[in-house]
Amino acid sequence: MTTSSPGPLADEAARLVEALGEWARGAAGGMSMPAVGEGAECQVCPLCQLLALVRRTQPETFGHLADASASMIAALRTVVERHEHSATRPTGVERIDLDDRDPYPAADPMDSTAADVAT
């Protein structure tokens, strides 16, 4: 039986891959590439700024913010309920005329019938 040893084509391919790797390291100027999740953070957009703030904030702070938010909501609810109860509702009946005639005409001093009614 014959043992299969890498042929000259496999040797050349291995040397090519090694040379390309050395070239890539040299082209990078010795810079190490960041691993996954270790890239530079964006400091420009508001979302990234908010995420950076959240990462730096202590967990107790979020508890205090939740308590303050609950208190604020309770206070707003109380104000709205008081406003609803204190709203003045119309009492009684309002007269609405449906025709153009005035049932109570103003007295005209030149009208003789108005003088008869007054006497």
PDB file of N, CA and C in Angstrom:
ATOM      1  N   MET A   1       0.830  -1.165   0.000  1.00  0.00           N
ATOM      2  CA  MET A   1       0.000   0.000   0.000  1.00  0.00           C
ATOM      3  C   MET A   1       0.879   1.234   0.000  1.00  0.00           C
ATOM      4  N   THR A   2       0.292   2.271  -0.538  1.00  0.00           N
ATOM      5  CA  THR A   2       1.027   3.516  -0.585  1.00  0.00           C
ATOM      6  C   THR A   2       0.451   4.468   0.435  1.00  0.00           C
ATOM      7  N   THR A   3       1.288   5.227   1.065  1.00  0.00           N
ATOM      8  CA  THR A   3       0.815   6.246   2.005  1.00  0.00           C
ATOM      9  C   THR A   3       0.572   7.520   1.228  1.00  0.00           C
ATOM     10  N   SER A   4      -0.496   8.160   1.551  1.00  0.00           N
ATOM     11  CA  SER A   4      -0.805   9.392   0.826  1.00  0.00           C
ATOM     12  C   SER A   4      -0.137  10.555   1.545  1.00  0.00           C
ATOM     13  N   SER A   5       0.824  11.119   0.925  1.00  0.00           N
ATOM     14  CA  SER A   5       1.488  12.293   1.485  1.00  0.00           C
ATOM     15  C   SER A   5       1.030  13.507   0.692  1.00  0.00           C
ATOM     16  N   PRO A   6       1.041  14.657   1.351  1.00  0.00           N
ATOM     17  CA  PRO A   6       0.597  15.834   0.613  1.00  0.00           C
ATOM     18  C   PRO A   6       1.497  16.074  -0.585  1.00  0.00           C
ATOM     19  N   GLY A   7       0.871  16.332  -1.669  1.00  0.00           N
ATOM     20  CA  GLY A   7       1.609  16.554  -2.902  1.00  0.00           C
ATOM     21  C   GLY A   7       2.104  17.983  -2.985  1.00  0.00           C
ATOM     22  N   PRO A   8       2.775  18.281  -4.053  1.00  0.00           N
ATOM     23  CA  PRO A   8       3.314  19.619  -4.217  1.00  0.00           C
ATOM     24  C   PRO A   8       2.218  20.690  -4.278  1.00  0.00           C
ATOM     25  N   LEU A   9       1.039  20.341  -4.757  1.00  0.00           N
ATOM     26  CA  LEU A   9      -0.050  21.324  -4.811  1.00  0.00           C
ATOM     27  C   LEU A   9      -0.512  21.695  -3.408  1.00  0.00           C
ATOM     28  N   ALA A  10      -0.631  20.714  -2.523  1.00  0.00           N
ATOM     29  CA  ALA A  10      -1.043  20.984  -1.145  1.00  0.00           C
ATOM     30  C   ALA A  10       0.011  21.800  -0.424  1.00  0.00           C
ATOM     31  N   ASP A  11       1.295  21.515  -0.665  1.00  0.00           N
ATOM     32  CA  ASP A  11       2.370  22.294  -0.044  1.00  0.00           C
ATOM     33  C   ASP A  11       2.310  23.751  -0.496  1.00  0.00           C
ATOM     34  N   GLU A  12       2.100  23.950  -1.767  1.00  0.00           N
ATOM     35  CA  GLU A  12       2.022  25.312  -2.305  1.00  0.00           C
ATOM     36  C   GLU A  12       0.816  26.063  -1.727  1.00  0.00           C
ATOM     37  N   ALA A  13      -0.305  25.386  -1.588  1.00  0.00           N
ATOM     38  CA  ALA A  13      -1.502  26.028  -1.027  1.00  0.00           C
ATOM     39  C   ALA A  13      -1.272  26.418   0.427  1.00  0.00           C
ATOM     40  N   ALA A  14      -0.614  25.546   1.206  1.00  0.00           N
ATOM     41  CA  ALA A  14      -0.330  25.856   2.608  1.00  0.00           C
ATOM     42  C   ALA A  14       0.601  27.053   2.714  1.00  0.00           C
ATOM     43  N   ARG A  15       1.640  27.080   1.851  1.00  0.00           N
ATOM     44  CA  ARG A  15       2.560  28.226   1.872  1.00  0.00           C
ATOM     45  C   ARG A  15       1.854  29.513   1.451  1.00  0.00           C
ATOM     46  N   LEU A  16       0.916  29.424   0.515  1.00  0.00           N
ATOM     47  CA  LEU A  16       0.160  30.604   0.079  1.00  0.00           C
ATOM     48  C   LEU A  16      -0.697  31.150   1.218  1.00  0.00           C
ATOM     49  N   VAL A  17      -1.379  30.280   1.928  1.00  0.00           N
ATOM     50  CA  VAL A  17      -2.218  30.715   3.048  1.00  0.00           C
ATOM     51  C   VAL A  17      -1.363  31.358   4.129  1.00  0.00           C
ATOM     52  N   GLU A  18      -0.185  30.771   4.410  1.00  0.00           N
ATOM     53  CA  GLU A  18       0.709  31.330   5.421  1.00  0.00           C
ATOM     54  C   GLU A  18       1.221  32.702   4.991  1.00  0.00           C
ATOM     55  N   ALA A  19       1.563  32.843   3.731  1.00  0.00           N
ATOM     56  CA  ALA A  19       2.056  34.126   3.225  1.00  0.00           C
ATOM     57  C   ALA A  19       0.961  35.194   3.278  1.00  0.00           C
ATOM     58  N   LEU A  20      -0.252  34.805   2.936  1.00  0.00           N
ATOM     59  CA  LEU A  20      -1.361  35.771   3.002  1.00  0.00           C
ATOM     60  C   LEU A  20      -1.622  36.201   4.444  1.00  0.00           C
ATOM     61  N   GLY A  21      -1.507  35.274   5.381  1.00  0.00           N
ATOM     62  CA  GLY A  21      -1.687  35.618   6.789  1.00  0.00           C
ATOM     63  C   GLY A  21      -0.640  36.601   7.268  1.00  0.00           C
ATOM     64  N   GLU A  22       0.635  36.369   6.878  1.00  0.00           N
ATOM     65  CA  GLU A  22       1.708  37.290   7.257  1.00  0.00           C
ATOM     66  C   GLU A  22       1.496  38.654   6.614  1.00  0.00           C
ATOM     67  N   TRP A  23       1.065  38.654   5.360  1.00  0.00           N
ATOM     68  CA  TRP A  23       0.819  39.924   4.677  1.00  0.00           C
ATOM     69  C   TRP A  23      -0.296  40.701   5.377  1.00  0.00           C
ATOM     70  N   ALA A  24      -1.373  40.011   5.792  1.00  0.00           N
ATOM     71  CA  ALA A  24      -2.495  40.673   6.451  1.00  0.00           C
ATOM     72  C   ALA A  24      -2.067  41.251   7.798  1.00  0.00           C
ATOM     73  N   ARG A  25      -1.228  40.519   8.548  1.00  0.00           N
ATOM     74  CA  ARG A  25      -0.740  41.040   9.830  1.00  0.00           C
ATOM     75  C   ARG A  25       0.143  42.261   9.603  1.00  0.00           C
ATOM     76  N   GLY A  26       0.960  42.236   8.580  1.00  0.00           N
ATOM     77  CA  GLY A  26       1.824  43.375   8.280  1.00  0.00           C
ATOM     78  C   GLY A  26       1.027  44.570   7.782  1.00  0.00           C
ATOM     79  N   ALA A  27      -0.015  44.324   6.990  1.00  0.00           N
ATOM     80  CA  ALA A  27      -0.835  45.417   6.469  1.00  0.00           C
ATOM     81  C   ALA A  27      -1.626  46.082   7.585  1.00  0.00           C
ATOM     82  N   ALA A  28      -1.949  45.343   8.624  1.00  0.00           N
ATOM     83  CA  ALA A  28      -2.695  45.913   9.741  1.00  0.00           C
ATOM     84  C   ALA A  28      -1.793  46.771  10.609  1.00  0.00           C
ATOM     85  N   GLY A  29      -0.492  46.720  10.379  1.00  0.00           N
ATOM     86  CA  GLY A  29       0.425  47.561  11.133  1.00  0.00           C
ATOM     87  C   GLY A  29       0.587  47.105  12.571  1.00  0.00           C
ATOM     88  N   GLY A  30       0.393  45.860  12.832  1.00  0.00           N
ATOM     89  CA  GLY A  30       0.554  45.351  14.185  1.00  0.00           C
ATOM     90  C   GLY A  30      -0.646  45.621  15.074  1.00  0.00           C
ATOM     91  N   MET A  31      -1.712  46.169  14.499  1.00  0.00           N
ATOM     92  CA  MET A  31      -2.906  46.420  15.304  1.00  0.00           C
ATOM     93  C   MET A  31      -3.580  45.099  15.606  1.00  0.00           C
ATOM     94  N   SER A  32      -4.025  44.978  16.822  1.00  0.00           N
ATOM     95  CA  SER A  32      -4.779  43.771  17.150  1.00  0.00           C
ATOM     96  C   SER A  32      -6.247  44.036  16.854  1.00  0.00           C
ATOM     97  N   MET A  33      -6.866  43.105  16.265  1.00  0.00           N
ATOM     98  CA  MET A  33      -8.276  43.238  15.926  1.00  0.00           C
ATOM     99  C   MET A  33      -9.111  42.988  17.175  1.00  0.00           C
ATOM    100  N   PRO A  34     -10.139  43.797  17.421  1.00  0.00           N
ATOM    101  CA  PRO A  34     -10.970  43.578  18.602  1.00  0.00           C
ATOM    102  C   PRO A  34     -11.786  42.302  18.458  1.00  0.00           C
ATOM    103  N   ALA A  35     -11.974  41.657  19.573  1.00  0.00           N
ATOM    104  CA  ALA A  35     -12.791  40.447  19.580  1.00  0.00           C
ATOM    105  C   ALA A  35     -14.260  40.841  19.490  1.00  0.00           C
ATOM    106  N   VAL A  36     -15.102  39.863  19.334  1.00  0.00           N
ATOM    107  CA  VAL A  36     -16.532  40.126  19.236  1.00  0.00           C
ATOM    108  C   VAL A  36     -17.006  40.779  20.527  1.00  0.00           C
ATOM    109  N   GLY A  37     -17.713  41.891  20.412  1.00  0.00           N
ATOM    110  CA  GLY A  37     -18.239  42.595  21.582  1.00  0.00           C
ATOM    111  C   GLY A  37     -17.248  43.559  22.194  1.00  0.00           C
ATOM    112  N   GLU A  38     -16.049  43.689  21.623  1.00  0.00           N
ATOM    113  CA  GLU A  38     -15.048  44.586  22.172  1.00  0.00           C
ATOM    114  C   GLU A  38     -14.760  45.759  21.246  1.00  0.00           C
ATOM    115  N   GLY A  39     -15.638  46.039  20.320  1.00  0.00           N
ATOM    116  CA  GLY A  39     -15.421  47.129  19.385  1.00  0.00           C
ATOM    117  C   GLY A  39     -15.611  48.478  20.057  1.00  0.00           C
ATOM    118  N   ALA A  40     -15.197  49.512  19.375  1.00  0.00           N
ATOM    119  CA  ALA A  40     -15.365  50.863  19.902  1.00  0.00           C
ATOM    120  C   ALA A  40     -16.849  51.212  19.940  1.00  0.00           C
ATOM    121  N   GLU A  41     -17.245  51.886  21.009  1.00  0.00           N
ATOM    122  CA  GLU A  41     -18.653  52.257  21.151  1.00  0.00           C
ATOM    123  C   GLU A  41     -18.934  53.570  20.440  1.00  0.00           C
ATOM    124  N   CYS A  42     -20.096  53.667  19.907  1.00  0.00           N
ATOM    125  CA  CYS A  42     -20.553  54.914  19.304  1.00  0.00           C
ATOM    126  C   CYS A  42     -20.843  55.892  20.437  1.00  0.00           C
ATOM    127  N   GLN A  43     -20.378  57.101  20.318  1.00  0.00           N
ATOM    128  CA  GLN A  43     -20.637  58.120  21.331  1.00  0.00           C
ATOM    129  C   GLN A  43     -21.442  59.276  20.755  1.00  0.00           C
ATOM    130  N   VAL A  44     -21.997  59.087  19.570  1.00  0.00           N
ATOM    131  CA  VAL A  44     -22.670  60.180  18.884  1.00  0.00           C
ATOM    132  C   VAL A  44     -24.182  60.103  19.022  1.00  0.00           C
ATOM    133  N   CYS A  45     -24.756  58.959  18.720  1.00  0.00           N
ATOM    134  CA  CYS A  45     -26.217  58.886  18.675  1.00  0.00           C
ATOM    135  C   CYS A  45     -26.805  58.820  20.089  1.00  0.00           C
ATOM    136  N   PRO A  46     -27.996  59.362  20.284  1.00  0.00           N
ATOM    137  CA  PRO A  46     -28.624  59.389  21.611  1.00  0.00           C
ATOM    138  C   PRO A  46     -28.870  58.005  22.189  1.00  0.00           C
ATOM    139  N   LEU A  47     -29.164  57.036  21.338  1.00  0.00           N
ATOM    140  CA  LEU A  47     -29.419  55.687  21.843  1.00  0.00           C
ATOM    141  C   LEU A  47     -28.159  55.101  22.477  1.00  0.00           C
ATOM    142  N   CYS A  48     -27.024  55.246  21.814  1.00  0.00           N
ATOM    143  CA  CYS A  48     -25.769  54.730  22.369  1.00  0.00           C
ATOM    144  C   CYS A  48     -25.376  55.493  23.629  1.00  0.00           C
ATOM    145  N   GLN A  49     -25.638  56.787  23.671  1.00  0.00           N
ATOM    146  CA  GLN A  49     -25.349  57.558  24.876  1.00  0.00           C
ATOM    147  C   GLN A  49     -26.219  57.093  26.034  1.00  0.00           C
ATOM    148  N   LEU A  50     -27.481  56.803  25.759  1.00  0.00           N
ATOM    149  CA  LEU A  50     -28.376  56.304  26.799  1.00  0.00           C
ATOM    150  C   LEU A  50     -27.919  54.938  27.295  1.00  0.00           C
ATOM    151  N   LEU A  51     -27.535  54.056  26.378  1.00  0.00           N
ATOM    152  CA  LEU A  51     -27.054  52.734  26.782  1.00  0.00           C
ATOM    153  C   LEU A  51     -25.786  52.834  27.620  1.00  0.00           C
ATOM    154  N   ALA A  52     -24.881  53.742  27.267  1.00  0.00           N
ATOM    155  CA  ALA A  52     -23.661  53.929  28.055  1.00  0.00           C
ATOM    156  C   ALA A  52     -24.002  54.437  29.450  1.00  0.00           C
ATOM    157  N   LEU A  53     -24.969  55.335  29.551  1.00  0.00           N
ATOM    158  CA  LEU A  53     -25.396  55.843  30.855  1.00  0.00           C
ATOM    159  C   LEU A  53     -25.997  54.731  31.700  1.00  0.00           C
ATOM    160  N   VAL A  54     -26.805  53.884  31.079  1.00  0.00           N
ATOM    161  CA  VAL A  54     -27.429  52.773  31.803  1.00  0.00           C
ATOM    162  C   VAL A  54     -26.359  51.807  32.310  1.00  0.00           C
ATOM    163  N   ARG A  55     -25.335  51.559  31.508  1.00  0.00           N
ATOM    164  CA  ARG A  55     -24.271  50.639  31.932  1.00  0.00           C
ATOM    165  C   ARG A  55     -23.493  51.186  33.123  1.00  0.00           C
ATOM    166  N   ARG A  56     -23.330  52.519  33.185  1.00  0.00           N
ATOM    167  CA  ARG A  56     -22.565  53.120  34.279  1.00  0.00           C
ATOM    168  C   ARG A  56     -23.397  53.315  35.537  1.00  0.00           C
ATOM    169  N   THR A  57     -24.716  53.214  35.431  1.00  0.00           N
ATOM    170  CA  THR A  57     -25.604  53.506  36.549  1.00  0.00           C
ATOM    171  C   THR A  57     -25.724  52.295  37.468  1.00  0.00           C
ATOM    172  N   GLN A  58     -25.778  52.578  38.768  1.00  0.00           N
ATOM    173  CA  GLN A  58     -25.925  51.524  39.773  1.00  0.00           C
ATOM    174  C   GLN A  58     -27.350  50.984  39.755  1.00  0.00           C
ATOM    175  N   PRO A  59     -27.556  49.713  40.074  1.00  0.00           N
ATOM    176  CA  PRO A  59     -28.907  49.130  40.087  1.00  0.00           C
ATOM    177  C   PRO A  59     -29.839  49.803  41.099  1.00  0.00           C
ATOM    178  N   GLU A  60     -29.283  50.312  42.207  1.00  0.00           N
ATOM    179  CA  GLU A  60     -30.122  50.974  43.209  1.00  0.00           C
ATOM    180  C   GLU A  60     -30.794  52.215  42.627  1.00  0.00           C
ATOM    181  N   THR A  61     -30.116  52.851  41.686  1.00  0.00           N
ATOM    182  CA  THR A  61     -30.672  54.055  41.065  1.00  0.00           C
ATOM    183  C   THR A  61     -31.965  53.728  40.335  1.00  0.00           C
ATOM    184  N   PHE A  62     -32.011  52.597  39.658  1.00  0.00           N
ATOM    185  CA  PHE A  62     -33.225  52.213  38.942  1.00  0.00           C
ATOM    186  C   PHE A  62     -34.366  51.936  39.914  1.00  0.00           C
ATOM    187  N   GLY A  63     -34.055  51.393  41.082  1.00  0.00           N
ATOM    188  CA  GLY A  63     -35.081  51.179  42.103  1.00  0.00           C
ATOM    189  C   GLY A  63     -35.659  52.496  42.587  1.00  0.00           C
ATOM    190  N   HIS A  64     -34.784  53.485  42.817  1.00  0.00           N
ATOM    191  CA  HIS A  64     -35.249  54.806  43.249  1.00  0.00           C
ATOM    192  C   HIS A  64     -36.081  55.476  42.159  1.00  0.00           C
ATOM    193  N   LEU A  65     -35.654  55.328  40.908  1.00  0.00           N
ATOM    194  CA  LEU A  65     -36.424  55.908  39.803  1.00  0.00           C
ATOM    195  C   LEU A  65     -37.798  55.257  39.683  1.00  0.00           C
ATOM    196  N   ALA A  66     -37.875  53.961  39.896  1.00  0.00           N
ATOM    197  CA  ALA A  66     -39.166  53.266  39.832  1.00  0.00           C
ATOM    198  C   ALA A  66     -40.082  53.740  40.956  1.00  0.00           C
ATOM    199  N   ASP A  67     -39.537  53.918  42.169  1.00  0.00           N
ATOM    200  CA  ASP A  67     -40.343  54.414  43.291  1.00  0.00           C
ATOM    201  C   ASP A  67     -40.834  55.835  43.023  1.00  0.00           C
ATOM    202  N   ALA A  68     -39.949  56.685  42.505  1.00  0.00           N
ATOM    203  CA  ALA A  68     -40.338  58.064  42.208  1.00  0.00           C
ATOM    204  C   ALA A  68     -41.404  58.106  41.114  1.00  0.00           C
ATOM    205  N   SER A  69     -41.285  57.249  40.116  1.00  0.00           N
ATOM    206  CA  SER A  69     -42.286  57.205  39.045  1.00  0.00           C
ATOM    207  C   SER A  69     -43.639  56.762  39.582  1.00  0.00           C
ATOM    208  N   ALA A  70     -43.642  55.774  40.471  1.00  0.00           N
ATOM    209  CA  ALA A  70     -44.905  55.311  41.054  1.00  0.00           C
ATOM    210  C   ALA A  70     -45.551  56.416  41.880  1.00  0.00           C
ATOM    211  N   SER A  71     -44.750  57.172  42.630  1.00  0.00           N
ATOM    212  CA  SER A  71     -45.289  58.284  43.419  1.00  0.00           C
ATOM    213  C   SER A  71     -45.858  59.369  42.513  1.00  0.00           C
ATOM    214  N   MET A  72     -45.166  59.656  41.429  1.00  0.00           N
ATOM    215  CA  MET A  72     -45.631  60.684  40.491  1.00  0.00           C
ATOM    216  C   MET A  72     -46.947  60.266  39.850  1.00  0.00           C
ATOM    217  N   ILE A  73     -47.076  59.018  39.478  1.00  0.00           N
ATOM    218  CA  ILE A  73     -48.317  58.533  38.865  1.00  0.00           C
ATOM    219  C   ILE A  73     -49.464  58.594  39.862  1.00  0.00           C
ATOM    220  N   ALA A  74     -49.198  58.244  41.126  1.00  0.00           N
ATOM    221  CA  ALA A  74     -50.243  58.310  42.152  1.00  0.00           C
ATOM    222  C   ALA A  74     -50.690  59.751  42.369  1.00  0.00           C
ATOM    223  N   ALA A  75     -49.750  60.692  42.379  1.00  0.00           N
ATOM    224  CA  ALA A  75     -50.100  62.103  42.552  1.00  0.00           C
ATOM    225  C   ALA A  75     -50.926  62.607  41.370  1.00  0.00           C
ATOM    226  N   LEU A  76     -50.547  62.251  40.164  1.00  0.00           N
ATOM    227  CA  LEU A  76     -51.312  62.669  38.985  1.00  0.00           C
ATOM    228  C   LEU A  76     -52.716  62.079  39.000  1.00  0.00           C
ATOM    229  N   ARG A  77     -52.839  60.834  39.433  1.00  0.00           N
ATOM    230  CA  ARG A  77     -54.148  60.195  39.512  1.00  0.00           C
ATOM    231  C   ARG A  77     -55.042  60.946  40.508  1.00  0.00           C
ATOM    232  N   THR A  78     -54.471  61.351  41.647  1.00  0.00           N
ATOM    233  CA  THR A  78     -55.233  62.095  42.652  1.00  0.00           C
ATOM    234  C   THR A  78     -55.694  63.436  42.099  1.00  0.00           C
ATOM    235  N   VAL A  79     -54.818  64.133  41.399  1.00  0.00           N
ATOM    236  CA  VAL A  79     -55.184  65.434  40.824  1.00  0.00           C
ATOM    237  C   VAL A  79     -56.315  65.272  39.814  1.00  0.00           C
ATOM    238  N   VAL A  80     -56.238  64.263  38.970  1.00  0.00           N
ATOM    239  CA  VAL A  80     -57.279  64.046  37.961  1.00  0.00           C
ATOM    240  C   VAL A  80     -58.605  63.701  38.626  1.00  0.00           C
ATOM    241  N   GLU A  81     -58.577  62.856  39.655  1.00  0.00           N
ATOM    242  CA  GLU A  81     -59.817  62.488  40.340  1.00  0.00           C
ATOM    243  C   GLU A  81     -60.451  63.696  41.016  1.00  0.00           C
ATOM    244  N   ARG A  82     -59.644  64.546  41.648  1.00  0.00           N
ATOM    245  CA  ARG A  82     -60.189  65.752  42.288  1.00  0.00           C
ATOM    246  C   ARG A  82     -60.787  66.691  41.249  1.00  0.00           C
ATOM    247  N   HIS A  83     -60.137  66.799  40.114  1.00  0.00           N
ATOM    248  CA  HIS A  83     -60.648  67.681  39.061  1.00  0.00           C
ATOM    249  C   HIS A  83     -61.975  67.156  38.515  1.00  0.00           C
ATOM    250  N   GLU A  84     -62.099  65.851  38.380  1.00  0.00           N
ATOM    251  CA  GLU A  84     -63.350  65.278  37.880  1.00  0.00           C
ATOM    252  C   GLU A  84     -64.492  65.519  38.853  1.00  0.00           C
ATOM    253  N   HIS A  85     -64.222  65.417  40.169  1.00  0.00           N
ATOM    254  CA  HIS A  85     -65.272  65.601  41.165  1.00  0.00           C
ATOM    255  C   HIS A  85     -65.643  67.073  41.339  1.00  0.00           C
ATOM    256  N   SER A  86     -64.703  67.980  41.116  1.00  0.00           N
ATOM    257  CA  SER A  86     -64.993  69.393  41.330  1.00  0.00           C
ATOM    258  C   SER A  86     -65.553  70.079  40.094  1.00  0.00           C
ATOM    259  N   ALA A  87     -65.613  69.398  38.999  1.00  0.00           N
ATOM    260  CA  ALA A  87     -66.138  70.006  37.776  1.00  0.00           C
ATOM    261  C   ALA A  87     -67.605  70.361  37.986  1.00  0.00           C
ATOM    262  N   THR A  88     -67.965  71.588  37.632  1.00  0.00           N
ATOM    263  CA  THR A  88     -69.354  72.022  37.810  1.00  0.00           C
ATOM    264  C   THR A  88     -70.194  71.471  36.680  1.00  0.00           C
ATOM    265  N   ARG A  89     -71.263  70.873  37.077  1.00  0.00           N
ATOM    266  CA  ARG A  89     -72.205  70.342  36.093  1.00  0.00           C
ATOM    267  C   ARG A  89     -73.397  71.293  36.035  1.00  0.00           C
ATOM    268  N   PRO A  90     -73.973  71.469  34.868  1.00  0.00           N
ATOM    269  CA  PRO A  90     -75.115  72.379  34.770  1.00  0.00           C
ATOM    270  C   PRO A  90     -76.278  71.869  35.619  1.00  0.00           C
ATOM    271  N   THR A  91     -76.829  72.788  36.383  1.00  0.00           N
ATOM    272  CA  THR A  91     -77.989  72.430  37.201  1.00  0.00           C
ATOM    273  C   THR A  91     -79.205  73.118  36.621  1.00  0.00           C
ATOM    274  N   GLY A  92     -80.304  72.454  36.593  1.00  0.00           N
ATOM    275  CA  GLY A  92     -81.533  73.041  36.071  1.00  0.00           C
ATOM    276  C   GLY A  92     -81.673  72.824  34.578  1.00  0.00           C
ATOM    277  N   VAL A  93     -82.637  73.547  34.026  1.00  0.00           N
ATOM    278  CA  VAL A  93     -82.975  73.393  32.622  1.00  0.00           C
ATOM    279  C   VAL A  93     -82.702  74.707  31.916  1.00  0.00           C
ATOM    280  N   GLU A  94     -82.176  74.644  30.736  1.00  0.00           N
ATOM    281  CA  GLU A  94     -81.929  75.829  29.936  1.00  0.00           C
ATOM    282  C   GLU A  94     -82.977  75.890  28.839  1.00  0.00           C
ATOM    283  N   ARG A  95     -83.548  77.079  28.656  1.00  0.00           N
ATOM    284  CA  ARG A  95     -84.579  77.260  27.639  1.00  0.00           C
ATOM    285  C   ARG A  95     -83.911  77.484  26.291  1.00  0.00           C
ATOM    286  N   ILE A  96     -84.332  76.720  25.283  1.00  0.00           N
ATOM    287  CA  ILE A  96     -83.803  76.837  23.932  1.00  0.00           C
ATOM    288  C   ILE A  96     -84.982  77.072  23.003  1.00  0.00           C
ATOM    289  N   ASP A  97     -84.991  78.236  22.302  1.00  0.00           N
ATOM    290  CA  ASP A  97     -86.052  78.553  21.345  1.00  0.00           C
ATOM    291  C   ASP A  97     -85.748  77.858  20.026  1.00  0.00           C
ATOM    292  N   LEU A  98     -86.793  77.232  19.470  1.00  0.00           N
ATOM    293  CA  LEU A  98     -86.618  76.507  18.227  1.00  0.00           C
ATOM    294  C   LEU A  98     -87.108  77.275  17.006  1.00  0.00           C
ATOM    295  N   ASP A  99     -87.866  78.344  17.205  1.00  0.00           N
ATOM    296  CA  ASP A  99     -88.322  79.126  16.056  1.00  0.00           C
ATOM    297  C   ASP A  99     -87.737  80.526  16.142  1.00  0.00           C
ATOM    298  N   ASP A 100     -87.941  81.301  15.048  1.00  0.00           N
ATOM    299  CA  ASP A 100     -87.353  82.629  14.969  1.00  0.00           C
ATOM    300  C   ASP A 100     -88.177  83.685  15.693  1.00  0.00           C
ATOM    301  N   ARG A 101     -89.399  83.363  16.034  1.00  0.00           N
ATOM    302  CA  ARG A 101     -90.245  84.354  16.698  1.00  0.00           C
ATOM    303  C   ARG A 101     -89.765  84.565  18.124  1.00  0.00           C
ATOM    304  N   ASP A 102     -89.844  85.790  18.557  1.00  0.00           N
ATOM    305  CA  ASP A 102     -89.482  86.113  19.930  1.00  0.00           C
ATOM    306  C   ASP A 102     -90.757  86.078  20.758  1.00  0.00           C
ATOM    307  N   PRO A 103     -90.904  85.153  21.684  1.00  0.00           N
ATOM    308  CA  PRO A 103     -92.144  85.080  22.460  1.00  0.00           C
ATOM    309  C   PRO A 103     -92.301  86.258  23.418  1.00  0.00           C
ATOM    310  N   TYR A 104     -91.233  86.940  23.703  1.00  0.00           N
ATOM    311  CA  TYR A 104     -91.288  88.087  24.610  1.00  0.00           C
ATOM    312  C   TYR A 104     -90.702  89.300  23.905  1.00  0.00           C
ATOM    313  N   PRO A 105     -91.490  89.950  23.019  1.00  0.00           N
ATOM    314  CA  PRO A 105     -90.952  91.099  22.278  1.00  0.00           C
ATOM    315  C   PRO A 105     -90.713  92.273  23.220  1.00  0.00           C
ATOM    316  N   ALA A 106     -89.698  93.042  22.891  1.00  0.00           N
ATOM    317  CA  ALA A 106     -89.407  94.236  23.689  1.00  0.00           C
ATOM    318  C   ALA A 106     -90.453  95.289  23.388  1.00  0.00           C
ATOM    319  N   ALA A 107     -90.798  96.054  24.379  1.00  0.00           N
ATOM    320  CA  ALA A 107     -91.832  97.089  24.208  1.00  0.00           C
ATOM    321  C   ALA A 107     -91.283  98.206  23.345  1.00  0.00           C
ATOM    322  N   ASP A 108     -92.049  98.550  22.291  1.00  0.00           N
ATOM    323  CA  ASP A 108     -91.678  99.632  21.401  1.00  0.00           C
ATOM    324  C   ASP A 108     -92.456 100.862  21.846  1.00  0.00           C
ATOM    325  N   PRO A 109     -91.803 101.981  22.155  1.00  0.00           N
ATOM    326  CA  PRO A 109     -92.538 103.161  22.636  1.00  0.00           C
ATOM    327  C   PRO A 109     -93.505 103.716  21.600  1.00  0.00           C
ATOM    328  N   MET A 110     -93.325 103.433  20.340  1.00  0.00           N
ATOM    329  CA  MET A 110     -94.213 103.943  19.301  1.00  0.00           C
ATOM    330  C   MET A 110     -95.399 103.013  19.076  1.00  0.00           C
ATOM    331  N   ASP A 111     -95.351 101.809  19.661  1.00  0.00           N
ATOM    332  CA  ASP A 111     -96.411 100.826  19.457  1.00  0.00           C
ATOM    333  C   ASP A 111     -97.566 101.150  20.396  1.00  0.00           C
ATOM    334  N   SER A 112     -98.763 101.290  19.840  1.00  0.00           N
ATOM    335  CA  SER A 112     -99.925 101.655  20.654  1.00  0.00           C
ATOM    336  C   SER A 112    -100.419 100.479  21.478  1.00  0.00           C
ATOM    337  N   THR A 113    -100.190  99.259  21.017  1.00  0.00           N
ATOM    338  CA  THR A 113    -100.653  98.103  21.785  1.00  0.00           C
ATOM    339  C   THR A 113     -99.830  97.932  23.044  1.00  0.00           C
ATOM    340  N   ALA A 114     -98.595  98.347  23.007  1.00  0.00           N
ATOM    341  CA  ALA A 114     -97.764  98.244  24.197  1.00  0.00           C
ATOM    342  C   ALA A 114     -98.273  99.197  25.258  1.00  0.00           C
ATOM    343  N   ALA A 115     -98.792 100.359  24.852  1.00  0.00           N
ATOM    344  CA  ALA A 115     -99.328 101.321  25.817  1.00  0.00           C
ATOM    345  C   ALA A 115    -100.604 100.790  26.428  1.00  0.00           C
ATOM    346  N   ASP A 116    -101.420 100.071  25.646  1.00  0.00           N
ATOM    347  CA  ASP A 116    -102.657  99.505  26.168  1.00  0.00           C
ATOM    348  C   ASP A 116    -102.368  98.427  27.202  1.00  0.00           C
ATOM    349  N   VAL A 117    -101.331  97.657  26.982  1.00  0.00           N
ATOM    350  CA  VAL A 117    -100.993  96.584  27.913  1.00  0.00           C
ATOM    351  C   VAL A 117    -100.492  97.174  29.217  1.00  0.00           C
ATOM    352  N   ALA A 118     -99.796  98.282  29.141  1.00  0.00           N
ATOM    353  CA  ALA A 118     -99.224  98.887  30.339  1.00  0.00           C
ATOM    354  C   ALA A 118    -100.294  99.507  31.213  1.00  0.00           C
ATOM    355  N   THR A 119    -101.419  99.920  30.661  1.00  0.00           N
ATOM    356  CA  THR A 119    -102.446 100.597  31.461  1.00  0.00           C
ATOM    357  C   THR A 119    -103.483  99.700  32.007  1.00  0.00           C
TER     358      THR A 119
END
